[in-house]
C-alpha cells in the first residue's frame, strides 16, 4: 500500500515499504519510477528472498509524488531531504541504500546531508561526469515543449519515452536544471560499492573513481544503462556487499 511522506513545504513523496528486517532504501533514476526500476527488474523480490525489506520512493517530479515546477525544488539537498522524510515517516534511524543513475547522485546527497542515516551505499549506473551538465538547456526546453529534435541524441533518448508515457514536462525540465552538476561525493567512513554496465557510456570513468576512493567496483560485461538492473550478478553483489 502506498504511503506518503510530507515535507514542511507541503510536497508529498510517495513510497512503498515491504515488511522485513533491515530494509534497504532503493532510489530510482531520472524519468523513471520506483515500480519500473525496482519492482519491474526483480530487485524487491530479490531483497524479500534474502529476508530484507525494500523501501521504494518515487522521487519528487516522478510517479505518484508531487511535481513542483521550479528548478530550486530539485536541488540535491531537496531530493535528499525527501528521503530523510521517508525514513522519518517509517521511524528508521539508519538503512542501507542503493541508487541507480540519477538516483545514485541523490543517495550520495543523502549521505552528505545525513551521514548517520546511511550504513552502506551502492551507486549504480553513474560516474564522475554528471549527464545533465553536458546538456544544452535550451535544447532540452525546445524538445520538451515543442518537440524539436536536439542535436544531442541522449536528450531525446532519455526524455522521449518519459514524455510519451505522460510525464509532467515542466517537472522534467526543472529536475534537469536542479540536478545538473550533482556530484557523487560520499563522506569518508561510509562503505561504497560502484556498479556499471560494461557497455554503458554514462558512468564513464567510474572504475578510476572507485579506485581513487578505495571503494569496491563491479563491471557487468555487455550490460547497457537500461539492462544493467536486470543482471543477477548486480543483485548478488549488492546483497553480499550490504550483508
Protein backbone atom coordinates (compact mmCIF):
# COMPACT_ATOMS: atom_id res chain seq x y z
CA UNK A 1 0.00 0.00 0.00
CA UNK A 2 1.38 3.40 -0.98
CA UNK A 3 2.18 5.82 1.82
CA UNK A 4 3.30 9.45 1.70
CA UNK A 5 5.98 11.44 3.50
CA UNK A 6 5.21 15.15 3.67
CA UNK A 7 7.82 17.90 3.67
CA UNK A 8 7.29 21.15 5.56
CA UNK A 9 6.68 22.93 2.24
CA UNK A 10 3.78 20.58 1.59
CA UNK A 11 5.46 18.43 -1.08
CA UNK A 12 4.37 14.79 -0.73
CA UNK A 13 6.73 11.91 -1.51
CA UNK A 14 5.05 8.60 -2.33
CA UNK A 15 6.69 5.37 -1.23
CA UNK A 16 6.04 1.69 -0.67
CA UNK A 17 7.70 -0.40 2.03
CA UNK A 18 7.76 -4.17 2.43
CA UNK A 19 7.76 -5.51 5.96
CA UNK A 20 11.02 -7.25 6.87
CA UNK A 21 14.12 -6.70 8.93
CA UNK A 22 16.97 -4.46 7.78
CA UNK A 23 15.09 -2.71 4.96
CA UNK A 24 17.03 -1.27 2.03
CA UNK A 25 16.21 2.15 0.57
CA UNK A 26 16.07 1.95 -3.24
CA UNK A 27 16.26 5.19 -5.24
CA UNK A 28 15.37 5.24 -8.94
CA UNK A 29 16.77 7.44 -11.69
CA UNK A 30 15.55 10.30 -13.84
CA UNK A 31 12.30 9.98 -15.81
CA UNK A 32 11.53 6.63 -14.18
CA UNK A 33 9.59 5.38 -11.16
CA UNK A 34 10.17 3.02 -8.26
CA UNK A 35 7.85 0.44 -9.81
CA UNK A 36 9.68 0.41 -13.14
CA UNK A 37 13.20 0.49 -11.71
CA UNK A 38 12.92 -1.83 -8.73
CA UNK A 39 9.76 -3.97 -8.98
CA UNK A 40 9.96 -4.50 -12.73
CA UNK A 41 13.59 -5.64 -12.64
CA UNK A 42 13.23 -8.05 -9.73
CA UNK A 43 15.02 -6.09 -7.01
CA UNK A 44 12.18 -6.02 -4.50
CA UNK A 45 11.68 -9.75 -4.94
CA UNK A 46 15.42 -10.43 -4.56
CA UNK A 47 15.51 -8.47 -1.32
CA UNK A 48 12.47 -10.30 0.00
CA UNK A 49 14.05 -13.66 -0.83
CA UNK A 50 17.13 -12.54 1.11
CA UNK A 51 14.93 -11.71 4.11
CA UNK A 52 15.26 -7.95 3.73
CA UNK A 53 12.65 -5.26 3.29
CA UNK A 54 12.53 -2.71 0.48
CA UNK A 55 11.66 0.99 0.69
CA UNK A 56 10.84 2.33 -2.78
CA UNK A 57 10.02 6.04 -3.02
CA UNK A 58 9.10 7.93 -6.16
CA UNK A 59 11.36 10.98 -6.34
CA UNK A 60 9.57 14.32 -6.50
CA UNK A 61 8.58 15.11 -10.06
CA UNK A 62 8.12 11.40 -10.77
CA UNK A 63 5.46 8.74 -10.44
CA UNK A 64 2.95 9.28 -7.64
CA UNK A 65 4.90 12.01 -5.85
CA UNK A 66 4.16 15.71 -6.13
CA UNK A 67 5.65 17.55 -9.10
CA UNK A 68 6.74 21.14 -8.41
CA UNK A 69 7.98 23.13 -11.41
CA UNK A 70 10.86 25.22 -10.02
CA UNK A 71 14.48 24.18 -10.54
CA UNK A 72 15.14 25.15 -6.90
CA UNK A 73 12.80 22.34 -5.83
CA UNK A 74 15.12 19.73 -7.39
CA UNK A 75 18.48 20.57 -5.89
CA UNK A 76 20.40 17.62 -4.42
CA UNK A 77 19.65 18.97 -0.93
CA UNK A 78 15.89 18.95 -1.57
CA UNK A 79 15.89 15.47 -3.08
CA UNK A 80 17.99 14.14 -0.21
CA UNK A 81 15.73 15.78 2.36
CA UNK A 82 12.78 13.99 0.76
CA UNK A 83 14.49 10.68 1.51
CA UNK A 84 15.11 11.74 5.11
CA UNK A 85 11.38 12.49 5.37
CA UNK A 86 10.61 8.97 4.15
CA UNK A 87 12.94 7.44 6.75
CA UNK A 88 11.42 9.64 9.45
CA UNK A 89 7.92 8.56 8.46
CA UNK A 90 9.00 4.93 8.82
CA UNK A 91 10.86 5.74 12.07
CA UNK A 92 14.10 4.26 10.73
CA UNK A 93 17.35 5.57 12.17
CA UNK A 94 19.72 4.01 9.62
CA UNK A 95 19.44 1.98 6.41
CA UNK A 96 21.48 0.54 3.59
CA UNK A 97 20.89 2.42 0.35
CA UNK A 98 21.00 1.54 -3.37
CA UNK A 99 20.73 4.20 -6.08
CA UNK A 100 20.74 3.90 -9.83
CA UNK A 101 21.65 6.52 -12.45
CA UNK A 102 20.46 9.91 -11.15
CA UNK A 103 19.34 8.05 -8.04
CA UNK A 104 22.99 7.38 -7.23
CA UNK A 105 23.59 11.12 -7.06
CA UNK A 106 20.54 11.56 -4.87
CA UNK A 107 21.69 8.90 -2.39
CA UNK A 108 25.17 10.43 -2.37
CA UNK A 109 23.49 13.74 -1.45
CA UNK A 110 21.59 11.88 1.29
CA UNK A 111 24.88 10.58 2.67
CA UNK A 112 26.24 14.14 2.76
CA UNK A 113 23.09 15.59 4.34
CA UNK A 114 22.56 12.90 6.95
CA UNK A 115 25.55 10.52 7.07
CA UNK A 116 24.30 8.96 10.29
CA UNK A 117 21.26 7.60 8.41
CA UNK A 118 23.31 5.64 5.84
CA UNK A 119 25.12 2.41 6.78
CA UNK A 120 26.35 1.23 3.36
CA UNK A 121 25.71 2.57 -0.12
CA UNK A 122 25.56 1.06 -3.62
CA UNK A 123 26.00 3.51 -6.51
CA UNK A 124 24.91 2.07 -9.86
CA UNK A 125 24.97 3.49 -13.37
CA UNK A 126 26.70 6.76 -12.51
CA UNK A 127 30.20 8.15 -12.92
CA UNK A 128 32.20 11.31 -12.25
CA UNK A 129 30.60 13.23 -15.15
CA UNK A 130 27.00 14.28 -14.49
CA UNK A 131 24.96 13.78 -17.67
CA UNK A 132 22.71 16.85 -17.37
CA UNK A 133 25.75 19.11 -17.09
CA UNK A 134 26.59 18.15 -20.69
CA UNK A 135 23.11 19.00 -21.99
CA UNK A 136 22.16 22.31 -23.60
CA UNK A 137 19.20 23.51 -21.54
CA UNK A 138 17.74 25.48 -24.44
CA UNK A 139 17.74 22.28 -26.49
CA UNK A 140 16.05 20.46 -23.61
CA UNK A 141 13.34 23.11 -23.42
CA UNK A 142 12.74 23.12 -27.17
CA UNK A 143 12.46 19.34 -27.24
CA UNK A 144 10.15 19.08 -24.23
CA UNK A 145 7.88 22.00 -25.14
CA UNK A 146 7.91 21.99 -28.95
CA UNK A 147 9.23 18.56 -29.89
CA UNK A 148 12.26 20.00 -31.71
CA UNK A 149 14.78 17.18 -32.21
CA UNK A 150 18.03 18.04 -30.37
CA UNK A 151 21.49 17.55 -31.86
CA UNK A 152 22.48 15.59 -28.73
CA UNK A 153 20.73 12.21 -29.18
CA UNK A 154 20.85 11.41 -25.46
CA UNK A 155 18.33 14.19 -24.73
CA UNK A 156 15.66 12.62 -26.91
CA UNK A 157 16.64 9.08 -25.83
CA UNK A 158 16.18 9.90 -22.14
CA UNK A 159 13.26 12.35 -22.27
CA UNK A 160 11.32 10.95 -25.22
CA UNK A 161 9.96 7.78 -23.56
CA UNK A 162 9.01 9.70 -20.40
CA UNK A 163 7.08 12.30 -22.39
CA UNK A 164 5.38 9.58 -24.42
CA UNK A 165 4.33 7.92 -21.15
CA UNK A 166 2.68 11.15 -19.97
CA UNK A 167 5.31 12.53 -17.60
CA UNK A 168 4.94 16.10 -16.32
CA UNK A 169 7.05 18.03 -18.84
CA UNK A 170 7.69 21.10 -16.69
CA UNK A 171 8.77 18.91 -13.78
CA UNK A 172 11.23 17.06 -16.02
CA UNK A 173 12.83 20.30 -17.16
CA UNK A 174 13.01 21.63 -13.60
CA UNK A 175 14.64 18.38 -12.46
CA UNK A 176 17.30 18.59 -15.19
CA UNK A 177 18.09 22.16 -14.16
CA UNK A 178 18.17 21.41 -10.42
CA UNK A 179 20.27 18.24 -10.58
CA UNK A 180 22.80 19.39 -13.22
CA UNK A 181 26.31 19.12 -11.82
CA UNK A 182 25.31 17.00 -8.80
CA UNK A 183 28.33 15.05 -7.55
CA UNK A 184 28.84 11.50 -6.31
CA UNK A 185 30.77 12.66 -3.24
CA UNK A 186 30.13 10.47 -0.19
CA UNK A 187 31.52 11.17 3.30
CA UNK A 188 34.51 9.11 4.34
CA UNK A 189 33.61 6.14 6.52
CA UNK A 190 30.53 5.02 4.57
CA UNK A 191 31.43 1.84 2.61
CA UNK A 192 30.68 2.20 -1.11
CA UNK A 193 30.14 -0.21 -4.00
CA UNK A 194 30.11 1.15 -7.55
CA UNK A 195 28.41 -0.87 -10.30
CA UNK A 196 28.30 -0.13 -14.04
CA UNK A 197 27.44 -1.91 -17.25
CA UNK A 198 30.42 -2.62 -19.48
CA UNK A 199 28.51 -1.25 -22.49
CA UNK A 200 27.20 1.83 -20.66
CA UNK A 201 28.87 5.14 -21.60
CA UNK A 202 27.04 7.21 -18.96
CA UNK A 203 29.24 6.15 -15.99
CA UNK A 204 32.50 6.65 -17.92
CA UNK A 205 35.45 6.91 -15.54
CA UNK A 206 33.70 5.20 -12.64
CA UNK A 207 36.33 2.46 -12.28
CA UNK A 208 39.04 5.05 -11.72
CA UNK A 209 36.78 6.95 -9.31
CA UNK A 210 36.19 3.81 -7.25
CA UNK A 211 39.92 3.09 -7.20
CA UNK A 212 40.68 6.62 -6.01
CA UNK A 213 38.29 6.17 -3.11
CA UNK A 214 39.38 2.64 -2.27
CA UNK A 215 35.78 1.58 -2.93
CA UNK A 216 34.53 -1.71 -4.35
CA UNK A 217 33.71 -1.80 -8.06
CA UNK A 218 31.79 -4.26 -10.24
CA UNK A 219 31.57 -4.09 -14.03
CA UNK A 220 28.75 -6.00 -15.71
CA UNK A 221 30.12 -7.25 -19.07
CA UNK A 222 27.98 -6.31 -22.07
CA UNK A 223 25.30 -4.59 -19.97
CA UNK A 224 23.89 -1.24 -21.04
CA UNK A 225 22.40 1.54 -18.92
CA UNK A 226 18.93 0.13 -19.49
CA UNK A 227 19.51 -3.55 -18.81
CA UNK A 228 22.19 -3.47 -16.09
CA UNK A 229 19.49 -3.51 -13.42
CA UNK A 230 18.18 -6.88 -14.58
CA UNK A 231 21.56 -8.57 -14.10
CA UNK A 232 21.53 -11.26 -11.44
CA UNK A 233 25.22 -10.53 -10.80
CA UNK A 234 24.32 -6.94 -9.84
CA UNK A 235 21.73 -8.12 -7.29
CA UNK A 236 24.01 -10.77 -5.82
CA UNK A 237 26.93 -8.37 -5.47
CA UNK A 238 24.76 -5.70 -3.84
CA UNK A 239 23.22 -8.16 -1.37
CA UNK A 240 26.64 -9.55 -0.45
CA UNK A 241 28.08 -6.06 -0.01
CA UNK A 242 25.15 -4.94 2.16
CA UNK A 243 25.29 -8.08 4.27
